[in-house]
Amino acid sequence: RVSVIASVCCFTGQMAALVALPFYIQHELGQSAVTAGLLMTPWPL
């Protein structure tokens, strides 16, 4: 039960971050879509 709850918590954080980061990098930091993709690539690596 604890592992299931922890999994829900961490995947909630993952999705929220993966939605927010492209907007942050492109709109607020003024980077291109290609650069945003490259800056997020270290995550899965």
All heavy atoms as atom14 arrays in JSON, in Angstrom:
{
  "sequence": "RVSVIASVCCFTGQMAALVALPFYIQHELGQSAVTAGLLMTPWPL",
  "atom14_mask": [
    [1, 1, 1, 1, 1, 1, 1, 1, 1, 1, 1, 0, 0, 0],
    [1, 1, 1, 1, 1, 1, 1, 0, 0, 0, 0, 0, 0, 0],
    [1, 1, 1, 1, 1, 1, 0, 0, 0, 0, 0, 0, 0, 0],
    [1, 1, 1, 1, 1, 1, 1, 0, 0, 0, 0, 0, 0, 0],
    [1, 1, 1, 1, 1, 1, 1, 1, 0, 0, 0, 0, 0, 0],
    [1, 1, 1, 1, 1, 0, 0, 0, 0, 0, 0, 0, 0, 0],
    [1, 1, 1, 1, 1, 1, 0, 0, 0, 0, 0, 0, 0, 0],
    [1, 1, 1, 1, 1, 1, 1, 0, 0, 0, 0, 0, 0, 0],
    [1, 1, 1, 1, 1, 1, 0, 0, 0, 0, 0, 0, 0, 0],
    [1, 1, 1, 1, 1, 1, 0, 0, 0, 0, 0, 0, 0, 0],
    [1, 1, 1, 1, 1, 1, 1, 1, 1, 1, 1, 0, 0, 0],
    [1, 1, 1, 1, 1, 1, 1, 0, 0, 0, 0, 0, 0, 0],
    [1, 1, 1, 1, 0, 0, 0, 0, 0, 0, 0, 0, 0, 0],
    [1, 1, 1, 1, 1, 1, 1, 1, 1, 0, 0, 0, 0, 0],
    [1, 1, 1, 1, 1, 1, 1, 1, 0, 0, 0, 0, 0, 0],
    [1, 1, 1, 1, 1, 0, 0, 0, 0, 0, 0, 0, 0, 0],
    [1, 1, 1, 1, 1, 0, 0, 0, 0, 0, 0, 0, 0, 0],
    [1, 1, 1, 1, 1, 1, 1, 1, 0, 0, 0, 0, 0, 0],
    [1, 1, 1, 1, 1, 1, 1, 0, 0, 0, 0, 0, 0, 0],
    [1, 1, 1, 1, 1, 0, 0, 0, 0, 0, 0, 0, 0, 0],
    [1, 1, 1, 1, 1, 1, 1, 1, 0, 0, 0, 0, 0, 0],
    [1, 1, 1, 1, 1, 1, 1, 0, 0, 0, 0, 0, 0, 0],
    [1, 1, 1, 1, 1, 1, 1, 1, 1, 1, 1, 0, 0, 0],
    [1, 1, 1, 1, 1, 1, 1, 1, 1, 1, 1, 1, 0, 0],
    [1, 1, 1, 1, 1, 1, 1, 1, 0, 0, 0, 0, 0, 0],
    [1, 1, 1, 1, 1, 1, 1, 1, 1, 0, 0, 0, 0, 0],
    [1, 1, 1, 1, 1, 1, 1, 1, 1, 1, 0, 0, 0, 0],
    [1, 1, 1, 1, 1, 1, 1, 1, 1, 0, 0, 0, 0, 0],
    [1, 1, 1, 1, 1, 1, 1, 1, 0, 0, 0, 0, 0, 0],
    [1, 1, 1, 1, 0, 0, 0, 0, 0, 0, 0, 0, 0, 0],
    [1, 1, 1, 1, 1, 1, 1, 1, 1, 0, 0, 0, 0, 0],
    [1, 1, 1, 1, 1, 1, 0, 0, 0, 0, 0, 0, 0, 0],
    [1, 1, 1, 1, 1, 0, 0, 0, 0, 0, 0, 0, 0, 0],
    [1, 1, 1, 1, 1, 1, 1, 0, 0, 0, 0, 0, 0, 0],
    [1, 1, 1, 1, 1, 1, 1, 0, 0, 0, 0, 0, 0, 0],
    [1, 1, 1, 1, 1, 0, 0, 0, 0, 0, 0, 0, 0, 0],
    [1, 1, 1, 1, 0, 0, 0, 0, 0, 0, 0, 0, 0, 0],
    [1, 1, 1, 1, 1, 1, 1, 1, 0, 0, 0, 0, 0, 0],
    [1, 1, 1, 1, 1, 1, 1, 1, 0, 0, 0, 0, 0, 0],
    [1, 1, 1, 1, 1, 1, 1, 1, 0, 0, 0, 0, 0, 0],
    [1, 1, 1, 1, 1, 1, 1, 0, 0, 0, 0, 0, 0, 0],
    [1, 1, 1, 1, 1, 1, 1, 0, 0, 0, 0, 0, 0, 0],
    [1, 1, 1, 1, 1, 1, 1, 1, 1, 1, 1, 1, 1, 1],
    [1, 1, 1, 1, 1, 1, 1, 0, 0, 0, 0, 0, 0, 0],
    [1, 1, 1, 1, 1, 1, 1, 1, 0, 0, 0, 0, 0, 0]
  ],
  "atom14_positions": [
    [[0.83, -1.21, 0.0], [0.0, 0.0, 0.0], [0.86, 1.26, 0.0], [0.59, 2.22, -0.74], [-0.93, -0.02, 1.21], [-1.88, 1.15, 1.29], [-2.92, 0.95, 2.38], [-2.33, 0.9, 3.72], [-2.32, -0.17, 4.49], [-2.81, -1.32, 4.04], [-1.8, -0.13, 5.7], [0.0, 0.0, 0.0], [0.0, 0.0, 0.0], [0.0, 0.0, 0.0]],
    [[1.9, 1.26, 0.81], [2.78, 2.42, 0.88], [3.49, 2.64, -0.46], [3.63, 3.78, -0.93], [3.81, 2.24, 2.02], [4.92, 3.27, 1.92], [3.12, 2.36, 3.37], [0.0, 0.0, 0.0], [0.0, 0.0, 0.0], [0.0, 0.0, 0.0], [0.0, 0.0, 0.0], [0.0, 0.0, 0.0], [0.0, 0.0, 0.0], [0.0, 0.0, 0.0]],
    [[3.92, 1.57, -1.11], [4.6, 1.7, -2.4], [3.67, 2.27, -3.46], [4.09, 3.06, -4.31], [5.15, 0.34, -2.85], [6.21, -0.07, -2.02], [0.0, 0.0, 0.0], [0.0, 0.0, 0.0], [0.0, 0.0, 0.0], [0.0, 0.0, 0.0], [0.0, 0.0, 0.0], [0.0, 0.0, 0.0], [0.0, 0.0, 0.0], [0.0, 0.0, 0.0]],
    [[2.4, 1.86, -3.43], [1.43, 2.38, -4.4], [1.24, 3.88, -4.18], [1.24, 4.67, -5.15], [0.1, 1.62, -4.27], [-1.0, 2.33, -5.05], [0.26, 0.19, -4.79], [0.0, 0.0, 0.0], [0.0, 0.0, 0.0], [0.0, 0.0, 0.0], [0.0, 0.0, 0.0], [0.0, 0.0, 0.0], [0.0, 0.0, 0.0], [0.0, 0.0, 0.0]],
    [[1.06, 4.3, -2.94], [0.86, 5.72, -2.65], [2.08, 6.53, -3.05], [1.97, 7.61, -3.65], [0.54, 5.92, -1.16], [-0.78, 5.24, -0.8], [0.47, 7.41, -0.81], [-1.08, 5.2, 0.69], [0.0, 0.0, 0.0], [0.0, 0.0, 0.0], [0.0, 0.0, 0.0], [0.0, 0.0, 0.0], [0.0, 0.0, 0.0], [0.0, 0.0, 0.0]],
    [[3.28, 6.03, -2.74], [4.5, 6.73, -3.11], [4.63, 6.84, -4.62], [5.07, 7.87, -5.15], [5.72, 6.01, -2.53], [0.0, 0.0, 0.0], [0.0, 0.0, 0.0], [0.0, 0.0, 0.0], [0.0, 0.0, 0.0], [0.0, 0.0, 0.0], [0.0, 0.0, 0.0], [0.0, 0.0, 0.0], [0.0, 0.0, 0.0], [0.0, 0.0, 0.0]],
    [[4.23, 5.8, -5.34], [4.29, 5.83, -6.8], [3.36, 6.91, -7.37], [3.74, 7.66, -8.27], [3.92, 4.46, -7.36], [4.06, 4.41, -8.76], [0.0, 0.0, 0.0], [0.0, 0.0, 0.0], [0.0, 0.0, 0.0], [0.0, 0.0, 0.0], [0.0, 0.0, 0.0], [0.0, 0.0, 0.0], [0.0, 0.0, 0.0], [0.0, 0.0, 0.0]],
    [[2.14, 6.99, -6.84], [1.21, 8.03, -7.28], [1.81, 9.42, -7.05], [1.76, 10.3, -7.92], [-0.14, 7.89, -6.55], [-1.04, 9.09, -6.85], [-0.85, 6.61, -6.97], [0.0, 0.0, 0.0], [0.0, 0.0, 0.0], [0.0, 0.0, 0.0], [0.0, 0.0, 0.0], [0.0, 0.0, 0.0], [0.0, 0.0, 0.0], [0.0, 0.0, 0.0]],
    [[2.41, 9.63, -5.89], [3.01, 10.93, -5.57], [4.12, 11.29, -6.56], [4.15, 12.41, -7.09], [3.57, 10.91, -4.15], [2.35, 10.84, -2.83], [0.0, 0.0, 0.0], [0.0, 0.0, 0.0], [0.0, 0.0, 0.0], [0.0, 0.0, 0.0], [0.0, 0.0, 0.0], [0.0, 0.0, 0.0], [0.0, 0.0, 0.0], [0.0, 0.0, 0.0]],
    [[5.03, 10.36, -6.81], [6.18, 10.68, -7.66], [5.78, 10.85, -9.12], [6.34, 11.71, -9.82], [7.26, 9.62, -7.51], [8.18, 9.78, -5.96], [0.0, 0.0, 0.0], [0.0, 0.0, 0.0], [0.0, 0.0, 0.0], [0.0, 0.0, 0.0], [0.0, 0.0, 0.0], [0.0, 0.0, 0.0], [0.0, 0.0, 0.0], [0.0, 0.0, 0.0]],
    [[4.83, 10.07, -9.6], [4.39, 10.25, -10.99], [3.57, 11.52, -11.15], [3.55, 12.12, -12.22], [3.63, 9.02, -11.47], [4.53, 7.92, -11.95], [4.76, 6.8, -11.18], [5.17, 8.01, -13.18], [5.6, 5.79, -11.61], [6.02, 7.02, -13.63], [6.23, 5.9, -12.84], [0.0, 0.0, 0.0], [0.0, 0.0, 0.0], [0.0, 0.0, 0.0]],
    [[2.89, 11.94, -10.08], [2.23, 13.24, -10.12], [3.26, 14.35, -10.29], [3.1, 15.25, -11.13], [1.44, 13.47, -8.82], [0.42, 12.48, -8.7], [0.79, 14.86, -8.81], [0.0, 0.0, 0.0], [0.0, 0.0, 0.0], [0.0, 0.0, 0.0], [0.0, 0.0, 0.0], [0.0, 0.0, 0.0], [0.0, 0.0, 0.0], [0.0, 0.0, 0.0]],
    [[4.35, 14.28, -9.53], [5.41, 15.26, -9.67], [6.07, 15.21, -11.03], [6.39, 16.25, -11.62], [0.0, 0.0, 0.0], [0.0, 0.0, 0.0], [0.0, 0.0, 0.0], [0.0, 0.0, 0.0], [0.0, 0.0, 0.0], [0.0, 0.0, 0.0], [0.0, 0.0, 0.0], [0.0, 0.0, 0.0], [0.0, 0.0, 0.0], [0.0, 0.0, 0.0]],
    [[6.26, 14.01, -11.57], [6.89, 13.89, -12.88], [6.06, 14.56, -13.97], [6.58, 15.35, -14.77], [7.11, 12.42, -13.23], [7.82, 12.22, -14.57], [7.74, 10.8, -15.07], [6.67, 10.22, -15.11], [8.87, 10.23, -15.45], [0.0, 0.0, 0.0], [0.0, 0.0, 0.0], [0.0, 0.0, 0.0], [0.0, 0.0, 0.0], [0.0, 0.0, 0.0]],
    [[4.75, 14.28, -14.01], [3.93, 14.86, -15.07], [3.82, 16.37, -14.93], [3.91, 17.1, -15.92], [2.53, 14.22, -15.03], [1.57, 14.83, -16.05], [2.2, 14.85, -17.76], [1.9, 13.17, -18.24], [0.0, 0.0, 0.0], [0.0, 0.0, 0.0], [0.0, 0.0, 0.0], [0.0, 0.0, 0.0], [0.0, 0.0, 0.0], [0.0, 0.0, 0.0]],
    [[3.63, 16.86, -13.7], [3.54, 18.31, -13.51], [4.82, 18.99, -13.99], [4.78, 20.04, -14.65], [3.29, 18.63, -12.04], [0.0, 0.0, 0.0], [0.0, 0.0, 0.0], [0.0, 0.0, 0.0], [0.0, 0.0, 0.0], [0.0, 0.0, 0.0], [0.0, 0.0, 0.0], [0.0, 0.0, 0.0], [0.0, 0.0, 0.0], [0.0, 0.0, 0.0]],
    [[5.97, 18.4, -13.7], [7.24, 18.99, -14.12], [7.43, 18.92, -15.63], [7.89, 19.89, -16.26], [8.4, 18.28, -13.42], [0.0, 0.0, 0.0], [0.0, 0.0, 0.0], [0.0, 0.0, 0.0], [0.0, 0.0, 0.0], [0.0, 0.0, 0.0], [0.0, 0.0, 0.0], [0.0, 0.0, 0.0], [0.0, 0.0, 0.0], [0.0, 0.0, 0.0]],
    [[7.04, 17.8, -16.25], [7.23, 17.65, -17.69], [6.3, 18.56, -18.48], [6.58, 18.89, -19.63], [7.0, 16.19, -18.1], [8.07, 15.2, -17.61], [7.72, 13.79, -18.04], [9.45, 15.59, -18.13], [0.0, 0.0, 0.0], [0.0, 0.0, 0.0], [0.0, 0.0, 0.0], [0.0, 0.0, 0.0], [0.0, 0.0, 0.0], [0.0, 0.0, 0.0]],
    [[5.18, 18.97, -17.87], [4.3, 19.95, -18.51], [4.84, 21.36, -18.3], [4.83, 22.2, -19.21], [2.86, 19.83, -17.97], [1.99, 20.99, -18.48], [2.25, 18.5, -18.4], [0.0, 0.0, 0.0], [0.0, 0.0, 0.0], [0.0, 0.0, 0.0], [0.0, 0.0, 0.0], [0.0, 0.0, 0.0], [0.0, 0.0, 0.0], [0.0, 0.0, 0.0]],
    [[5.33, 21.64, -17.09], [5.75, 23.0, -16.75], [7.08, 23.39, -17.39], [7.27, 24.54, -17.83], [5.85, 23.15, -15.24], [0.0, 0.0, 0.0], [0.0, 0.0, 0.0], [0.0, 0.0, 0.0], [0.0, 0.0, 0.0], [0.0, 0.0, 0.0], [0.0, 0.0, 0.0], [0.0, 0.0, 0.0], [0.0, 0.0, 0.0], [0.0, 0.0, 0.0]],
    [[8.03, 22.47, -17.45], [9.38, 22.82, -17.9], [9.44, 23.37, -19.32], [10.15, 24.36, -19.57], [10.3, 21.6, -17.76], [10.87, 21.36, -16.36], [11.61, 20.03, -16.3], [11.8, 22.5, -15.95], [0.0, 0.0, 0.0], [0.0, 0.0, 0.0], [0.0, 0.0, 0.0], [0.0, 0.0, 0.0], [0.0, 0.0, 0.0], [0.0, 0.0, 0.0]],
    [[8.74, 22.78, -20.31], [8.82, 23.38, -21.66], [8.33, 24.82, -21.71], [8.91, 25.67, -22.4], [7.92, 22.46, -22.5], [7.93, 21.15, -21.77], [7.99, 21.52, -20.33], [0.0, 0.0, 0.0], [0.0, 0.0, 0.0], [0.0, 0.0, 0.0], [0.0, 0.0, 0.0], [0.0, 0.0, 0.0], [0.0, 0.0, 0.0], [0.0, 0.0, 0.0]],
    [[7.24, 25.13, -20.96], [6.75, 26.51, -20.92], [7.78, 27.42, -20.25], [8.01, 28.56, -20.68], [5.42, 26.57, -20.15], [4.26, 26.02, -20.92], [3.85, 24.71, -20.76], [3.56, 26.81, -21.82], [2.78, 24.19, -21.46], [2.49, 26.32, -22.53], [2.1, 25.0, -22.35], [0.0, 0.0, 0.0], [0.0, 0.0, 0.0], [0.0, 0.0, 0.0]],
    [[8.39, 26.92, -19.19], [9.39, 27.71, -18.47], [10.58, 28.03, -19.37], [11.02, 29.18, -19.48], [9.83, 26.92, -17.24], [10.88, 27.6, -16.37], [10.83, 28.98, -16.12], [11.9, 26.87, -15.78], [11.77, 29.59, -15.31], [12.84, 27.47, -14.98], [12.78, 28.83, -14.75], [13.71, 29.45, -13.95], [0.0, 0.0, 0.0], [0.0, 0.0, 0.0]],
    [[11.1, 27.0, -20.02], [12.31, 27.18, -20.83], [12.04, 28.04, -22.06], [12.84, 28.91, -22.41], [12.88, 25.8, -21.24], [13.33, 25.03, -19.99], [14.05, 25.96, -22.2], [13.69, 23.59, -20.26], [0.0, 0.0, 0.0], [0.0, 0.0, 0.0], [0.0, 0.0, 0.0], [0.0, 0.0, 0.0], [0.0, 0.0, 0.0], [0.0, 0.0, 0.0]],
    [[10.9, 27.82, -22.71], [10.62, 28.54, -23.96], [10.07, 29.94, -23.71], [10.54, 30.91, -24.31], [9.63, 27.74, -24.81], [10.19, 26.43, -25.34], [9.19, 25.69, -26.19], [8.71, 26.18, -27.21], [8.86, 24.46, -25.78], [0.0, 0.0, 0.0], [0.0, 0.0, 0.0], [0.0, 0.0, 0.0], [0.0, 0.0, 0.0], [0.0, 0.0, 0.0]],
    [[9.09, 30.07, -22.84], [8.41, 31.36, -22.67], [9.15, 32.3, -21.73], [9.35, 33.48, -22.03], [6.98, 31.13, -22.19], [6.12, 30.45, -23.2], [4.8, 30.11, -22.97], [6.38, 30.03, -24.47], [4.29, 29.52, -24.04], [5.24, 29.45, -24.95], [0.0, 0.0, 0.0], [0.0, 0.0, 0.0], [0.0, 0.0, 0.0], [0.0, 0.0, 0.0]],
    [[9.55, 31.78, -20.56], [10.18, 32.67, -19.59], [11.67, 32.87, -19.87], [12.19, 33.98, -19.71], [10.0, 32.13, -18.18], [10.49, 33.08, -17.1], [10.08, 32.65, -15.7], [9.11, 31.88, -15.58], [10.73, 33.08, -14.74], [0.0, 0.0, 0.0], [0.0, 0.0, 0.0], [0.0, 0.0, 0.0], [0.0, 0.0, 0.0], [0.0, 0.0, 0.0]],
    [[12.36, 31.82, -20.3], [13.79, 31.92, -20.55], [14.12, 32.25, -22.0], [15.28, 32.46, -22.33], [14.5, 30.61, -20.14], [14.32, 30.2, -18.67], [15.07, 28.91, -18.39], [14.8, 31.32, -17.73], [0.0, 0.0, 0.0], [0.0, 0.0, 0.0], [0.0, 0.0, 0.0], [0.0, 0.0, 0.0], [0.0, 0.0, 0.0], [0.0, 0.0, 0.0]],
    [[13.1, 32.26, -22.87], [13.3, 32.69, -24.24], [14.09, 31.74, -25.11], [14.72, 32.16, -26.09], [0.0, 0.0, 0.0], [0.0, 0.0, 0.0], [0.0, 0.0, 0.0], [0.0, 0.0, 0.0], [0.0, 0.0, 0.0], [0.0, 0.0, 0.0], [0.0, 0.0, 0.0], [0.0, 0.0, 0.0], [0.0, 0.0, 0.0], [0.0, 0.0, 0.0]],
    [[14.07, 30.46, -24.8], [14.81, 29.48, -25.59], [13.89, 28.86, -26.66], [12.67, 28.9, -26.56], [15.37, 28.38, -24.69], [16.24, 28.89, -23.56], [17.49, 29.6, -24.05], [18.22, 29.08, -24.89], [17.73, 30.78, -23.51], [0.0, 0.0, 0.0], [0.0, 0.0, 0.0], [0.0, 0.0, 0.0], [0.0, 0.0, 0.0], [0.0, 0.0, 0.0]],
    [[14.49, 28.28, -27.69], [13.73, 27.66, -28.76], [13.19, 26.3, -28.31], [13.61, 25.74, -27.29], [14.6, 27.46, -29.99], [15.63, 26.51, -29.74], [0.0, 0.0, 0.0], [0.0, 0.0, 0.0], [0.0, 0.0, 0.0], [0.0, 0.0, 0.0], [0.0, 0.0, 0.0], [0.0, 0.0, 0.0], [0.0, 0.0, 0.0], [0.0, 0.0, 0.0]],
    [[12.26, 25.76, -29.12], [11.7, 24.45, -28.8], [12.77, 23.37, -28.86], [12.77, 22.44, -28.05], [10.56, 24.13, -29.77], [0.0, 0.0, 0.0], [0.0, 0.0, 0.0], [0.0, 0.0, 0.0], [0.0, 0.0, 0.0], [0.0, 0.0, 0.0], [0.0, 0.0, 0.0], [0.0, 0.0, 0.0], [0.0, 0.0, 0.0], [0.0, 0.0, 0.0]],
    [[13.69, 23.51, -29.82], [14.77, 22.53, -29.93], [15.65, 22.57, -28.69], [16.02, 21.53, -28.13], [15.61, 22.78, -31.19], [16.81, 21.85, -31.23], [14.75, 22.59, -32.43], [0.0, 0.0, 0.0], [0.0, 0.0, 0.0], [0.0, 0.0, 0.0], [0.0, 0.0, 0.0], [0.0, 0.0, 0.0], [0.0, 0.0, 0.0], [0.0, 0.0, 0.0]],
    [[15.98, 23.78, -28.23], [16.79, 23.91, -27.02], [16.08, 23.36, -25.81], [16.7, 22.7, -24.96], [17.14, 25.39, -26.79], [17.83, 25.91, -27.93], [18.0, 25.57, -25.55], [0.0, 0.0, 0.0], [0.0, 0.0, 0.0], [0.0, 0.0, 0.0], [0.0, 0.0, 0.0], [0.0, 0.0, 0.0], [0.0, 0.0, 0.0], [0.0, 0.0, 0.0]],
    [[14.77, 23.6, -25.74], [14.0, 23.06, -24.62], [14.07, 21.53, -24.6], [14.25, 20.92, -23.54], [12.55, 23.51, -24.71], [0.0, 0.0, 0.0], [0.0, 0.0, 0.0], [0.0, 0.0, 0.0], [0.0, 0.0, 0.0], [0.0, 0.0, 0.0], [0.0, 0.0, 0.0], [0.0, 0.0, 0.0], [0.0, 0.0, 0.0], [0.0, 0.0, 0.0]],
    [[13.95, 20.93, -25.78], [14.05, 19.48, -25.85], [15.41, 18.98, -25.41], [15.52, 17.99, -24.68], [0.0, 0.0, 0.0], [0.0, 0.0, 0.0], [0.0, 0.0, 0.0], [0.0, 0.0, 0.0], [0.0, 0.0, 0.0], [0.0, 0.0, 0.0], [0.0, 0.0, 0.0], [0.0, 0.0, 0.0], [0.0, 0.0, 0.0], [0.0, 0.0, 0.0]],
    [[16.47, 19.68, -25.83], [17.82, 19.27, -25.45], [18.05, 19.43, -23.95], [18.71, 18.58, -23.32], [18.85, 20.1, -26.22], [18.94, 19.83, -27.73], [19.89, 20.81, -28.39], [19.4, 18.39, -27.98], [0.0, 0.0, 0.0], [0.0, 0.0, 0.0], [0.0, 0.0, 0.0], [0.0, 0.0, 0.0], [0.0, 0.0, 0.0], [0.0, 0.0, 0.0]],
    [[17.51, 20.49, -23.36], [17.71, 20.72, -21.93], [16.93, 19.72, -21.07], [17.3, 19.49, -19.92], [17.29, 22.15, -21.57], [18.17, 23.28, -22.12], [17.63, 24.64, -21.71], [19.61, 23.12, -21.63], [0.0, 0.0, 0.0], [0.0, 0.0, 0.0], [0.0, 0.0, 0.0], [0.0, 0.0, 0.0], [0.0, 0.0, 0.0], [0.0, 0.0, 0.0]],
    [[15.88, 19.13, -21.63], [15.11, 18.14, -20.89], [15.61, 16.72, -21.14], [15.22, 15.79, -20.42], [13.62, 18.25, -21.26], [12.99, 19.55, -20.78], [11.24, 19.67, -21.22], [10.55, 18.34, -20.23], [0.0, 0.0, 0.0], [0.0, 0.0, 0.0], [0.0, 0.0, 0.0], [0.0, 0.0, 0.0], [0.0, 0.0, 0.0], [0.0, 0.0, 0.0]],
    [[16.47, 16.55, -22.13], [17.0, 15.21, -22.43], [17.8, 14.61, -21.29], [17.75, 13.38, -21.09], [17.86, 15.26, -23.7], [17.06, 15.71, -24.8], [18.44, 13.9, -24.04], [0.0, 0.0, 0.0], [0.0, 0.0, 0.0], [0.0, 0.0, 0.0], [0.0, 0.0, 0.0], [0.0, 0.0, 0.0], [0.0, 0.0, 0.0], [0.0, 0.0, 0.0]],
    [[18.56, 15.39, -20.49], [19.28, 14.77, -19.36], [18.39, 14.02, -18.39], [18.86, 13.09, -17.71], [19.96, 15.98, -18.68], [20.14, 16.97, -19.77], [18.93, 16.82, -20.64], [0.0, 0.0, 0.0], [0.0, 0.0, 0.0], [0.0, 0.0, 0.0], [0.0, 0.0, 0.0], [0.0, 0.0, 0.0], [0.0, 0.0, 0.0], [0.0, 0.0, 0.0]],
    [[17.12, 14.38, -18.31], [16.2, 13.71, -17.38], [16.1, 12.21, -17.69], [16.45, 11.38, -16.83], [14.84, 14.4, -17.43], [13.81, 13.86, -16.48], [13.55, 12.55, -16.17], [12.89, 14.63, -15.7], [12.53, 12.45, -15.27], [12.1, 13.71, -14.98], [12.64, 15.99, -15.56], [11.08, 14.12, -14.11], [11.63, 16.4, -14.71], [10.87, 15.49, -14.0]],
    [[15.62, 11.81, -18.89], [15.54, 10.36, -19.15], [16.9, 9.68, -19.19], [17.02, 8.5, -18.83], [14.82, 10.27, -20.51], [15.02, 11.61, -21.13], [15.06, 12.59, -20.01], [0.0, 0.0, 0.0], [0.0, 0.0, 0.0], [0.0, 0.0, 0.0], [0.0, 0.0, 0.0], [0.0, 0.0, 0.0], [0.0, 0.0, 0.0], [0.0, 0.0, 0.0]],
    [[17.93, 10.41, -19.61], [19.27, 9.81, -19.61], [19.72, 9.49, -18.18], [20.35, 8.46, -17.93], [20.27, 10.75, -20.29], [20.07, 10.99, -21.8], [21.13, 11.95, -22.33], [20.12, 9.66, -22.56], [0.0, 0.0, 0.0], [0.0, 0.0, 0.0], [0.0, 0.0, 0.0], [0.0, 0.0, 0.0], [0.0, 0.0, 0.0], [0.0, 0.0, 0.0]]
  ]
}
